[in-house]
Amino acid sequence: MISATQLRPGMIIKFNKELFSVFKMEHRTPGNLRGFVQVKMRKLSSGSMMEHRFSSEDRVERGSLEQHEMEYLYDDGEYFHFMNTETYEQMHLMKDLLGDATNFLIPNLKVNVEFYEGKPLGVELPPSVDLMVVETEPSLKGATVSNVTKPAKLETGLVVLVPPFISEGEKIRVSTSESAYLERA
C-alpha cells in the first residue's frame, strides 16, 4: 500500500477490485481545505478513462505486473503473434487488447508484454520505432527544416506529419508515445 500522494503516471494500481493505469495525477492543496490528489486513470480491462479524487491520507494498493520480453513475429489479420525471447514459447494477442500499439508493431520488434496473474494485459513499446514511409507527396527540391509538414503513410498504416524533405522509401524514427515524427533513421 502506498500513499495517494506517491502516485505517478504509468503506475498500476488496484482500485475497486479492478486494475488501473495512472495516466495523470495532480496534488492540490486549496486554501484552507484539506489537500487531495486528482487522478486520471485508465481501466486496464476495458481501456476506459475515469477520474477520481483521493484524499491526501488515502492509501492505494499497488498492482504488481510481470513483464516478459517478447519479439513480435507477425499478424494474421485477427491475432498478433509474439515469441518469448527466453523460452521461445509463442502466444497471440487480439487487436483490441493491443489498441494503438498495433501502429508500431513491425516484425522482430522486441516489446515487454505485461501479465497479471498469468493473463496478458498489453504491451510496453520502446520509446521510438523506425518505420518505412510507403506513401507521401514528392519531396520538394531545396526544402529545409521548417514548420511546414506533410502527411506520410507508414508501413504499418499509421499516418504522421513529416517535414517536406522526407520521401517515399525512407526510414524515419517515430515516437510511440506521441505518434509523431522524430528524425530520419
N, C-alpha and C. Protein backbone atom coordinates (compact mmCIF):
# COMPACT_ATOMS: atom_id res chain seq x y z
N MET A 1 0.84 -1.18 0.00
CA MET A 1 0.00 0.00 0.00
C MET A 1 0.89 1.25 0.00
N ILE A 2 0.51 2.21 -0.84
CA ILE A 2 1.25 3.46 -0.89
C ILE A 2 0.29 4.62 -0.66
N SER A 3 0.82 5.75 -0.27
CA SER A 3 0.02 6.94 -0.07
C SER A 3 -0.44 7.47 -1.43
N ALA A 4 -1.61 8.07 -1.48
CA ALA A 4 -2.14 8.61 -2.74
C ALA A 4 -1.21 9.69 -3.29
N THR A 5 -0.48 10.38 -2.42
CA THR A 5 0.44 11.42 -2.89
C THR A 5 1.66 10.85 -3.59
N GLN A 6 1.91 9.53 -3.48
CA GLN A 6 3.06 8.90 -4.13
C GLN A 6 2.71 8.34 -5.51
N LEU A 7 1.47 8.50 -5.95
CA LEU A 7 1.07 8.01 -7.27
C LEU A 7 1.82 8.78 -8.36
N ARG A 8 2.19 8.08 -9.43
CA ARG A 8 2.90 8.68 -10.54
C ARG A 8 2.32 8.13 -11.84
N PRO A 9 2.36 8.92 -12.94
CA PRO A 9 1.88 8.41 -14.23
C PRO A 9 2.61 7.12 -14.62
N GLY A 10 1.85 6.15 -15.12
CA GLY A 10 2.42 4.87 -15.53
C GLY A 10 2.29 3.79 -14.48
N MET A 11 2.03 4.16 -13.23
CA MET A 11 1.87 3.17 -12.16
C MET A 11 0.58 2.39 -12.36
N ILE A 12 0.60 1.13 -11.95
CA ILE A 12 -0.58 0.28 -11.98
C ILE A 12 -1.10 0.18 -10.55
N ILE A 13 -2.38 0.50 -10.34
CA ILE A 13 -2.97 0.41 -9.02
C ILE A 13 -4.22 -0.46 -9.05
N LYS A 14 -4.59 -0.97 -7.87
CA LYS A 14 -5.82 -1.75 -7.72
C LYS A 14 -6.82 -0.83 -7.02
N PHE A 15 -7.94 -0.58 -7.67
CA PHE A 15 -8.96 0.32 -7.14
C PHE A 15 -10.32 -0.29 -7.43
N ASN A 16 -11.17 -0.43 -6.43
CA ASN A 16 -12.48 -1.08 -6.57
C ASN A 16 -12.36 -2.47 -7.21
N LYS A 17 -11.36 -3.24 -6.79
CA LYS A 17 -11.11 -4.62 -7.27
C LYS A 17 -10.82 -4.69 -8.76
N GLU A 18 -10.38 -3.57 -9.36
CA GLU A 18 -10.02 -3.52 -10.78
C GLU A 18 -8.62 -2.94 -10.89
N LEU A 19 -7.94 -3.25 -11.99
CA LEU A 19 -6.61 -2.69 -12.23
C LEU A 19 -6.72 -1.44 -13.09
N PHE A 20 -5.98 -0.41 -12.70
CA PHE A 20 -5.97 0.85 -13.42
C PHE A 20 -4.53 1.29 -13.64
N SER A 21 -4.30 1.96 -14.76
CA SER A 21 -3.01 2.57 -15.04
C SER A 21 -3.17 4.08 -14.84
N VAL A 22 -2.31 4.66 -13.99
CA VAL A 22 -2.39 6.09 -13.72
C VAL A 22 -1.91 6.84 -14.96
N PHE A 23 -2.77 7.70 -15.49
CA PHE A 23 -2.48 8.47 -16.70
C PHE A 23 -1.92 9.84 -16.34
N LYS A 24 -2.54 10.47 -15.35
CA LYS A 24 -2.16 11.82 -14.95
C LYS A 24 -2.55 11.99 -13.49
N MET A 25 -1.71 12.67 -12.73
CA MET A 25 -2.06 12.94 -11.34
C MET A 25 -1.67 14.36 -10.97
N GLU A 26 -2.48 14.95 -10.11
CA GLU A 26 -2.23 16.32 -9.69
C GLU A 26 -2.53 16.44 -8.21
N HIS A 27 -1.54 16.84 -7.42
CA HIS A 27 -1.72 17.03 -5.98
C HIS A 27 -2.14 18.47 -5.74
N ARG A 28 -3.32 18.67 -5.18
CA ARG A 28 -3.83 20.02 -4.96
C ARG A 28 -4.01 20.29 -3.47
N THR A 29 -3.68 21.50 -3.07
CA THR A 29 -3.89 21.93 -1.69
C THR A 29 -4.59 23.28 -1.71
N PRO A 30 -5.92 23.27 -1.85
CA PRO A 30 -6.66 24.52 -1.98
C PRO A 30 -6.81 25.26 -0.63
N GLY A 31 -6.35 26.49 -0.58
CA GLY A 31 -6.52 27.40 0.55
C GLY A 31 -6.60 26.77 1.91
N ASN A 32 -7.75 26.90 2.58
CA ASN A 32 -7.91 26.38 3.93
C ASN A 32 -8.57 25.00 3.96
N LEU A 33 -8.68 24.34 2.80
CA LEU A 33 -9.26 23.00 2.75
C LEU A 33 -8.16 21.95 2.80
N ARG A 34 -8.55 20.71 3.02
CA ARG A 34 -7.57 19.62 3.05
C ARG A 34 -7.08 19.31 1.64
N GLY A 35 -5.83 18.87 1.55
CA GLY A 35 -5.25 18.53 0.26
C GLY A 35 -5.86 17.26 -0.31
N PHE A 36 -5.82 17.14 -1.62
CA PHE A 36 -6.30 15.93 -2.28
C PHE A 36 -5.47 15.68 -3.54
N VAL A 37 -5.63 14.47 -4.07
CA VAL A 37 -4.91 14.08 -5.27
C VAL A 37 -5.94 13.75 -6.34
N GLN A 38 -5.94 14.52 -7.43
CA GLN A 38 -6.85 14.29 -8.55
C GLN A 38 -6.14 13.38 -9.54
N VAL A 39 -6.71 12.20 -9.80
CA VAL A 39 -6.06 11.20 -10.64
C VAL A 39 -6.92 10.86 -11.84
N LYS A 40 -6.31 10.89 -13.02
CA LYS A 40 -6.97 10.42 -14.24
C LYS A 40 -6.34 9.07 -14.53
N MET A 41 -7.16 8.03 -14.66
CA MET A 41 -6.62 6.69 -14.84
C MET A 41 -7.43 5.89 -15.85
N ARG A 42 -6.74 4.89 -16.43
CA ARG A 42 -7.34 4.05 -17.47
C ARG A 42 -7.57 2.65 -16.90
N LYS A 43 -8.81 2.16 -17.03
CA LYS A 43 -9.14 0.81 -16.58
C LYS A 43 -8.49 -0.17 -17.57
N LEU A 44 -7.66 -1.09 -17.05
CA LEU A 44 -6.92 -1.97 -17.93
C LEU A 44 -7.81 -3.00 -18.62
N SER A 45 -8.91 -3.40 -17.98
CA SER A 45 -9.76 -4.43 -18.59
C SER A 45 -10.55 -3.90 -19.78
N SER A 46 -10.97 -2.62 -19.73
CA SER A 46 -11.80 -2.08 -20.80
C SER A 46 -11.15 -0.95 -21.58
N GLY A 47 -10.15 -0.31 -21.00
CA GLY A 47 -9.49 0.80 -21.68
C GLY A 47 -10.18 2.14 -21.45
N SER A 48 -11.27 2.14 -20.68
CA SER A 48 -12.00 3.40 -20.45
C SER A 48 -11.25 4.27 -19.44
N MET A 49 -11.37 5.59 -19.62
CA MET A 49 -10.71 6.54 -18.73
C MET A 49 -11.70 7.00 -17.66
N MET A 50 -11.17 7.26 -16.47
CA MET A 50 -12.01 7.81 -15.40
C MET A 50 -11.16 8.70 -14.51
N GLU A 51 -11.81 9.60 -13.81
CA GLU A 51 -11.12 10.46 -12.86
C GLU A 51 -11.61 10.14 -11.46
N HIS A 52 -10.70 10.24 -10.49
CA HIS A 52 -11.08 10.01 -9.10
C HIS A 52 -10.29 10.96 -8.22
N ARG A 53 -10.91 11.39 -7.15
CA ARG A 53 -10.25 12.30 -6.20
C ARG A 53 -9.95 11.51 -4.93
N PHE A 54 -8.66 11.34 -4.64
CA PHE A 54 -8.22 10.67 -3.42
C PHE A 54 -7.87 11.74 -2.39
N SER A 55 -8.18 11.48 -1.13
CA SER A 55 -7.72 12.35 -0.05
C SER A 55 -6.22 12.14 0.08
N SER A 56 -5.49 13.14 0.55
CA SER A 56 -4.04 13.01 0.71
C SER A 56 -3.66 11.88 1.65
N GLU A 57 -4.55 11.55 2.60
CA GLU A 57 -4.25 10.49 3.57
C GLU A 57 -4.62 9.10 3.05
N ASP A 58 -5.36 9.00 1.94
CA ASP A 58 -5.79 7.69 1.42
C ASP A 58 -4.60 6.81 1.09
N ARG A 59 -4.79 5.50 1.29
CA ARG A 59 -3.78 4.51 0.93
C ARG A 59 -4.30 3.76 -0.31
N VAL A 60 -3.42 3.49 -1.25
CA VAL A 60 -3.80 2.84 -2.50
C VAL A 60 -2.96 1.58 -2.67
N GLU A 61 -3.61 0.50 -3.10
CA GLU A 61 -2.88 -0.76 -3.32
C GLU A 61 -2.24 -0.73 -4.70
N ARG A 62 -0.96 -1.01 -4.73
CA ARG A 62 -0.23 -1.01 -5.99
C ARG A 62 -0.35 -2.39 -6.63
N GLY A 63 -0.72 -2.44 -7.90
CA GLY A 63 -0.82 -3.70 -8.63
C GLY A 63 0.55 -4.12 -9.13
N SER A 64 0.86 -5.40 -8.98
CA SER A 64 2.16 -5.85 -9.46
C SER A 64 1.97 -6.66 -10.74
N LEU A 65 2.68 -6.26 -11.76
CA LEU A 65 2.60 -6.92 -13.06
C LEU A 65 3.91 -7.63 -13.35
N GLU A 66 3.81 -8.75 -14.02
CA GLU A 66 5.01 -9.42 -14.51
C GLU A 66 5.26 -8.90 -15.92
N GLN A 67 6.52 -8.75 -16.27
CA GLN A 67 6.86 -8.34 -17.63
C GLN A 67 7.78 -9.38 -18.24
N HIS A 68 7.47 -9.76 -19.48
CA HIS A 68 8.32 -10.69 -20.21
C HIS A 68 8.70 -10.04 -21.53
N GLU A 69 9.98 -10.11 -21.87
CA GLU A 69 10.41 -9.57 -23.16
C GLU A 69 9.97 -10.54 -24.25
N MET A 70 9.29 -10.01 -25.24
CA MET A 70 8.82 -10.83 -26.35
C MET A 70 9.15 -10.15 -27.66
N GLU A 71 9.25 -10.96 -28.69
CA GLU A 71 9.53 -10.45 -30.03
C GLU A 71 8.28 -10.59 -30.87
N TYR A 72 7.89 -9.49 -31.51
CA TYR A 72 6.71 -9.52 -32.38
C TYR A 72 7.08 -10.27 -33.66
N LEU A 73 6.24 -11.23 -34.06
CA LEU A 73 6.52 -12.03 -35.25
C LEU A 73 5.70 -11.59 -36.45
N TYR A 74 4.37 -11.67 -36.36
CA TYR A 74 3.51 -11.33 -37.49
C TYR A 74 2.07 -11.22 -37.02
N ASP A 75 1.19 -10.70 -37.90
CA ASP A 75 -0.24 -10.73 -37.60
C ASP A 75 -0.94 -11.44 -38.75
N ASP A 76 -1.95 -12.20 -38.38
CA ASP A 76 -2.67 -12.97 -39.39
C ASP A 76 -4.04 -12.37 -39.69
N GLY A 77 -4.21 -11.09 -39.39
CA GLY A 77 -5.49 -10.43 -39.64
C GLY A 77 -6.34 -10.36 -38.39
N GLU A 78 -6.31 -11.40 -37.57
CA GLU A 78 -7.12 -11.43 -36.35
C GLU A 78 -6.24 -11.35 -35.10
N TYR A 79 -5.13 -12.08 -35.12
CA TYR A 79 -4.25 -12.14 -33.97
C TYR A 79 -2.86 -11.60 -34.30
N PHE A 80 -2.20 -11.07 -33.28
CA PHE A 80 -0.81 -10.62 -33.38
C PHE A 80 0.03 -11.63 -32.61
N HIS A 81 1.00 -12.23 -33.28
CA HIS A 81 1.78 -13.33 -32.70
C HIS A 81 3.11 -12.82 -32.14
N PHE A 82 3.42 -13.29 -30.92
CA PHE A 82 4.65 -12.92 -30.22
C PHE A 82 5.39 -14.17 -29.78
N MET A 83 6.72 -14.05 -29.59
CA MET A 83 7.53 -15.15 -29.10
C MET A 83 8.32 -14.68 -27.89
N ASN A 84 8.28 -15.46 -26.80
CA ASN A 84 9.06 -15.16 -25.62
C ASN A 84 10.53 -15.34 -25.97
N THR A 85 11.37 -14.32 -25.71
CA THR A 85 12.78 -14.38 -26.13
C THR A 85 13.61 -15.31 -25.25
N GLU A 86 13.08 -15.73 -24.08
CA GLU A 86 13.83 -16.64 -23.21
C GLU A 86 13.42 -18.09 -23.43
N THR A 87 12.11 -18.35 -23.48
CA THR A 87 11.62 -19.73 -23.57
C THR A 87 11.24 -20.14 -24.99
N TYR A 88 11.18 -19.18 -25.91
CA TYR A 88 10.78 -19.39 -27.31
C TYR A 88 9.33 -19.87 -27.45
N GLU A 89 8.53 -19.71 -26.39
CA GLU A 89 7.10 -20.04 -26.49
C GLU A 89 6.41 -18.94 -27.27
N GLN A 90 5.45 -19.35 -28.10
CA GLN A 90 4.71 -18.37 -28.88
C GLN A 90 3.31 -18.18 -28.30
N MET A 91 2.82 -16.95 -28.42
CA MET A 91 1.46 -16.64 -27.98
C MET A 91 0.88 -15.61 -28.92
N HIS A 92 -0.44 -15.47 -28.89
CA HIS A 92 -1.07 -14.45 -29.73
C HIS A 92 -1.98 -13.58 -28.89
N LEU A 93 -2.07 -12.31 -29.30
CA LEU A 93 -2.92 -11.33 -28.63
C LEU A 93 -3.87 -10.73 -29.65
N MET A 94 -5.06 -10.38 -29.20
CA MET A 94 -6.05 -9.79 -30.11
C MET A 94 -5.80 -8.30 -30.25
N LYS A 95 -6.27 -7.75 -31.36
CA LYS A 95 -6.07 -6.33 -31.67
C LYS A 95 -6.66 -5.41 -30.61
N ASP A 96 -7.85 -5.76 -30.08
CA ASP A 96 -8.48 -4.88 -29.09
C ASP A 96 -7.69 -4.80 -27.79
N LEU A 97 -6.90 -5.83 -27.47
CA LEU A 97 -6.06 -5.81 -26.28
C LEU A 97 -4.84 -4.91 -26.50
N LEU A 98 -4.33 -4.89 -27.73
CA LEU A 98 -3.14 -4.10 -28.05
C LEU A 98 -3.44 -2.63 -28.28
N GLY A 99 -4.63 -2.31 -28.77
CA GLY A 99 -5.02 -0.93 -29.01
C GLY A 99 -4.14 -0.26 -30.06
N ASP A 100 -3.68 0.97 -29.75
CA ASP A 100 -2.88 1.75 -30.69
C ASP A 100 -1.47 1.20 -30.89
N ALA A 101 -1.05 0.27 -30.05
CA ALA A 101 0.29 -0.32 -30.19
C ALA A 101 0.45 -1.02 -31.54
N THR A 102 -0.66 -1.42 -32.16
CA THR A 102 -0.57 -2.11 -33.46
C THR A 102 0.01 -1.22 -34.54
N ASN A 103 -0.05 0.11 -34.35
CA ASN A 103 0.53 1.05 -35.32
C ASN A 103 2.05 1.04 -35.35
N PHE A 104 2.66 0.40 -34.37
CA PHE A 104 4.11 0.43 -34.26
C PHE A 104 4.74 -0.96 -34.34
N LEU A 105 3.93 -2.00 -34.47
CA LEU A 105 4.46 -3.36 -34.47
C LEU A 105 5.00 -3.74 -35.84
N ILE A 106 6.30 -3.97 -35.90
CA ILE A 106 6.94 -4.46 -37.12
C ILE A 106 7.67 -5.75 -36.76
N PRO A 107 7.82 -6.69 -37.69
CA PRO A 107 8.47 -7.96 -37.37
C PRO A 107 9.84 -7.76 -36.72
N ASN A 108 10.13 -8.62 -35.75
CA ASN A 108 11.38 -8.66 -34.97
C ASN A 108 11.50 -7.53 -33.95
N LEU A 109 10.45 -6.73 -33.73
CA LEU A 109 10.49 -5.69 -32.72
C LEU A 109 10.34 -6.33 -31.34
N LYS A 110 11.23 -5.97 -30.42
CA LYS A 110 11.18 -6.50 -29.07
C LYS A 110 10.34 -5.56 -28.20
N VAL A 111 9.34 -6.12 -27.51
CA VAL A 111 8.46 -5.37 -26.63
C VAL A 111 8.35 -6.10 -25.30
N ASN A 112 7.90 -5.41 -24.27
CA ASN A 112 7.61 -6.04 -22.99
C ASN A 112 6.11 -6.28 -22.91
N VAL A 113 5.71 -7.54 -22.74
CA VAL A 113 4.30 -7.87 -22.58
C VAL A 113 4.02 -7.95 -21.09
N GLU A 114 2.99 -7.22 -20.64
CA GLU A 114 2.66 -7.17 -19.22
C GLU A 114 1.59 -8.22 -18.91
N PHE A 115 1.83 -8.99 -17.82
CA PHE A 115 0.92 -10.04 -17.39
C PHE A 115 0.46 -9.75 -15.97
N TYR A 116 -0.80 -10.05 -15.69
CA TYR A 116 -1.33 -10.01 -14.34
C TYR A 116 -1.98 -11.35 -14.07
N GLU A 117 -1.46 -12.07 -13.08
CA GLU A 117 -1.94 -13.42 -12.73
C GLU A 117 -1.95 -14.32 -13.97
N GLY A 118 -0.89 -14.26 -14.76
CA GLY A 118 -0.74 -15.13 -15.93
C GLY A 118 -1.52 -14.71 -17.16
N LYS A 119 -2.30 -13.63 -17.06
CA LYS A 119 -3.12 -13.18 -18.20
C LYS A 119 -2.49 -11.93 -18.80
N PRO A 120 -2.26 -11.92 -20.13
CA PRO A 120 -1.65 -10.73 -20.75
C PRO A 120 -2.60 -9.54 -20.73
N LEU A 121 -2.04 -8.35 -20.39
CA LEU A 121 -2.85 -7.14 -20.33
C LEU A 121 -2.53 -6.17 -21.47
N GLY A 122 -1.32 -6.21 -21.97
CA GLY A 122 -0.94 -5.28 -23.02
C GLY A 122 0.55 -5.29 -23.23
N VAL A 123 1.03 -4.40 -24.08
CA VAL A 123 2.46 -4.34 -24.38
C VAL A 123 3.01 -2.97 -24.04
N GLU A 124 4.28 -2.97 -23.65
CA GLU A 124 5.01 -1.73 -23.41
C GLU A 124 5.98 -1.58 -24.57
N LEU A 125 5.77 -0.57 -25.37
CA LEU A 125 6.59 -0.34 -26.56
C LEU A 125 7.88 0.38 -26.21
N PRO A 126 8.91 0.26 -27.06
CA PRO A 126 10.10 1.09 -26.86
C PRO A 126 9.73 2.56 -27.10
N PRO A 127 10.56 3.50 -26.64
CA PRO A 127 10.21 4.93 -26.80
C PRO A 127 10.05 5.37 -28.25
N SER A 128 10.79 4.73 -29.17
CA SER A 128 10.66 5.09 -30.59
C SER A 128 10.86 3.84 -31.45
N VAL A 129 10.30 3.91 -32.67
CA VAL A 129 10.38 2.80 -33.61
C VAL A 129 10.75 3.37 -34.98
N ASP A 130 11.58 2.64 -35.73
CA ASP A 130 11.95 3.05 -37.09
C ASP A 130 10.99 2.41 -38.07
N LEU A 131 10.28 3.23 -38.85
CA LEU A 131 9.29 2.74 -39.81
C LEU A 131 9.56 3.31 -41.19
N MET A 132 9.17 2.55 -42.22
CA MET A 132 9.37 2.93 -43.61
C MET A 132 8.19 3.77 -44.10
N VAL A 133 8.49 4.86 -44.82
CA VAL A 133 7.46 5.70 -45.44
C VAL A 133 7.04 5.00 -46.73
N VAL A 134 5.75 4.67 -46.86
CA VAL A 134 5.29 3.98 -48.07
C VAL A 134 4.51 4.90 -49.01
N GLU A 135 4.01 6.02 -48.48
CA GLU A 135 3.23 6.92 -49.33
C GLU A 135 3.30 8.34 -48.79
N THR A 136 3.73 9.28 -49.63
CA THR A 136 3.74 10.69 -49.27
C THR A 136 3.89 11.52 -50.54
N GLU A 137 3.66 12.81 -50.43
CA GLU A 137 3.83 13.69 -51.59
C GLU A 137 5.32 13.74 -51.94
N PRO A 138 5.64 14.02 -53.20
CA PRO A 138 7.06 14.11 -53.58
C PRO A 138 7.79 15.16 -52.76
N SER A 139 9.08 14.90 -52.50
CA SER A 139 9.85 15.86 -51.71
C SER A 139 10.13 17.10 -52.54
N LEU A 140 10.27 18.21 -51.87
CA LEU A 140 10.50 19.49 -52.54
C LEU A 140 11.99 19.74 -52.68
N LYS A 141 12.39 20.19 -53.85
CA LYS A 141 13.80 20.48 -54.12
C LYS A 141 14.25 21.66 -53.25
N GLY A 142 15.34 21.47 -52.54
CA GLY A 142 15.87 22.54 -51.72
C GLY A 142 15.10 22.78 -50.44
N ALA A 143 14.20 21.84 -50.06
CA ALA A 143 13.42 22.02 -48.83
C ALA A 143 14.32 21.85 -47.62
N THR A 144 14.20 22.75 -46.68
CA THR A 144 14.96 22.66 -45.45
C THR A 144 14.00 22.52 -44.29
N VAL A 145 14.53 22.29 -43.10
CA VAL A 145 13.67 22.12 -41.94
C VAL A 145 12.91 23.41 -41.67
N SER A 146 11.61 23.30 -41.57
CA SER A 146 10.77 24.46 -41.25
C SER A 146 9.52 23.93 -40.56
N ASN A 147 8.58 24.82 -40.27
CA ASN A 147 7.37 24.37 -39.60
C ASN A 147 6.32 23.85 -40.58
N VAL A 148 6.67 23.72 -41.85
CA VAL A 148 5.76 23.17 -42.85
C VAL A 148 5.87 21.65 -42.81
N THR A 149 4.72 20.96 -42.79
CA THR A 149 4.74 19.49 -42.76
C THR A 149 3.78 18.95 -43.81
N LYS A 150 3.94 17.65 -44.08
CA LYS A 150 3.03 16.95 -44.99
C LYS A 150 2.74 15.58 -44.41
N PRO A 151 1.57 14.99 -44.72
CA PRO A 151 1.26 13.67 -44.18
C PRO A 151 2.06 12.57 -44.90
N ALA A 152 2.44 11.54 -44.13
CA ALA A 152 3.14 10.39 -44.71
C ALA A 152 2.54 9.13 -44.12
N LYS A 153 2.21 8.17 -45.00
CA LYS A 153 1.68 6.88 -44.56
C LYS A 153 2.86 5.94 -44.36
N LEU A 154 2.89 5.26 -43.21
CA LEU A 154 4.00 4.36 -42.88
C LEU A 154 3.61 2.92 -43.15
N GLU A 155 4.59 2.02 -43.08
CA GLU A 155 4.38 0.61 -43.41
C GLU A 155 3.32 -0.08 -42.56
N THR A 156 3.03 0.43 -41.37
CA THR A 156 2.02 -0.18 -40.51
C THR A 156 0.63 0.41 -40.74
N GLY A 157 0.53 1.44 -41.58
CA GLY A 157 -0.74 2.10 -41.84
C GLY A 157 -0.90 3.40 -41.07
N LEU A 158 0.00 3.66 -40.14
CA LEU A 158 -0.04 4.89 -39.36
C LEU A 158 0.29 6.09 -40.25
N VAL A 159 -0.41 7.20 -40.07
CA VAL A 159 -0.13 8.43 -40.82
C VAL A 159 0.41 9.47 -39.84
N VAL A 160 1.61 10.00 -40.14
CA VAL A 160 2.22 11.04 -39.31
C VAL A 160 2.59 12.23 -40.19
N LEU A 161 2.75 13.37 -39.56
CA LEU A 161 3.20 14.57 -40.27
C LEU A 161 4.72 14.60 -40.28
N VAL A 162 5.29 14.81 -41.48
CA VAL A 162 6.76 14.81 -41.63
C VAL A 162 7.19 16.09 -42.33
N PRO A 163 8.47 16.45 -42.21
CA PRO A 163 8.98 17.62 -42.95
C PRO A 163 8.93 17.37 -44.46
N PRO A 164 8.95 18.44 -45.26
CA PRO A 164 8.80 18.29 -46.72
C PRO A 164 9.95 17.55 -47.40
N PHE A 165 11.12 17.41 -46.78
CA PHE A 165 12.25 16.74 -47.44
C PHE A 165 12.20 15.22 -47.31
N ILE A 166 11.24 14.66 -46.59
CA ILE A 166 11.11 13.20 -46.46
C ILE A 166 10.40 12.67 -47.70
N SER A 167 10.93 11.57 -48.26
CA SER A 167 10.31 10.99 -49.46
C SER A 167 9.99 9.51 -49.23
N GLU A 168 9.23 8.94 -50.17
CA GLU A 168 8.84 7.53 -50.08
C GLU A 168 10.08 6.64 -50.06
N GLY A 169 9.99 5.54 -49.28
CA GLY A 169 11.10 4.59 -49.22
C GLY A 169 12.09 4.90 -48.10
N GLU A 170 12.00 6.08 -47.48
CA GLU A 170 12.91 6.43 -46.39
C GLU A 170 12.42 5.83 -45.08
N LYS A 171 13.37 5.55 -44.19
CA LYS A 171 13.02 5.11 -42.84
C LYS A 171 13.08 6.32 -41.93
N ILE A 172 12.03 6.45 -41.11
CA ILE A 172 12.01 7.55 -40.14
C ILE A 172 11.79 6.99 -38.74
N ARG A 173 12.23 7.74 -37.75
CA ARG A 173 12.03 7.36 -36.35
C ARG A 173 10.77 8.06 -35.85
N VAL A 174 9.86 7.26 -35.24
CA VAL A 174 8.58 7.78 -34.78
C VAL A 174 8.45 7.55 -33.28
N SER A 175 8.01 8.56 -32.55
CA SER A 175 7.77 8.45 -31.11
C SER A 175 6.52 7.60 -30.88
N THR A 176 6.63 6.56 -30.04
CA THR A 176 5.48 5.69 -29.80
C THR A 176 4.49 6.33 -28.82
N SER A 177 4.94 7.28 -28.01
CA SER A 177 4.02 7.90 -27.06
C SER A 177 3.17 9.00 -27.71
N GLU A 178 3.74 9.70 -28.69
CA GLU A 178 3.02 10.81 -29.30
C GLU A 178 2.61 10.56 -30.75
N SER A 179 2.99 9.42 -31.32
CA SER A 179 2.74 9.09 -32.73
C SER A 179 3.21 10.23 -33.62
N ALA A 180 4.43 10.69 -33.37
CA ALA A 180 4.95 11.84 -34.09
C ALA A 180 6.35 11.56 -34.66
N TYR A 181 6.65 12.21 -35.78
CA TYR A 181 7.96 12.12 -36.42
C TYR A 181 9.02 12.70 -35.49
N LEU A 182 10.15 11.98 -35.36
CA LEU A 182 11.27 12.48 -34.55
C LEU A 182 12.44 12.90 -35.44
N GLU A 183 12.88 11.95 -36.32
CA GLU A 183 14.05 12.21 -37.17
C GLU A 183 14.16 11.12 -38.22
N ARG A 184 15.09 11.32 -39.17
CA ARG A 184 15.40 10.25 -40.11
C ARG A 184 16.13 9.14 -39.36
N ALA A 185 15.90 7.91 -39.79
CA ALA A 185 16.56 6.79 -39.11
C ALA A 185 17.82 6.38 -39.87
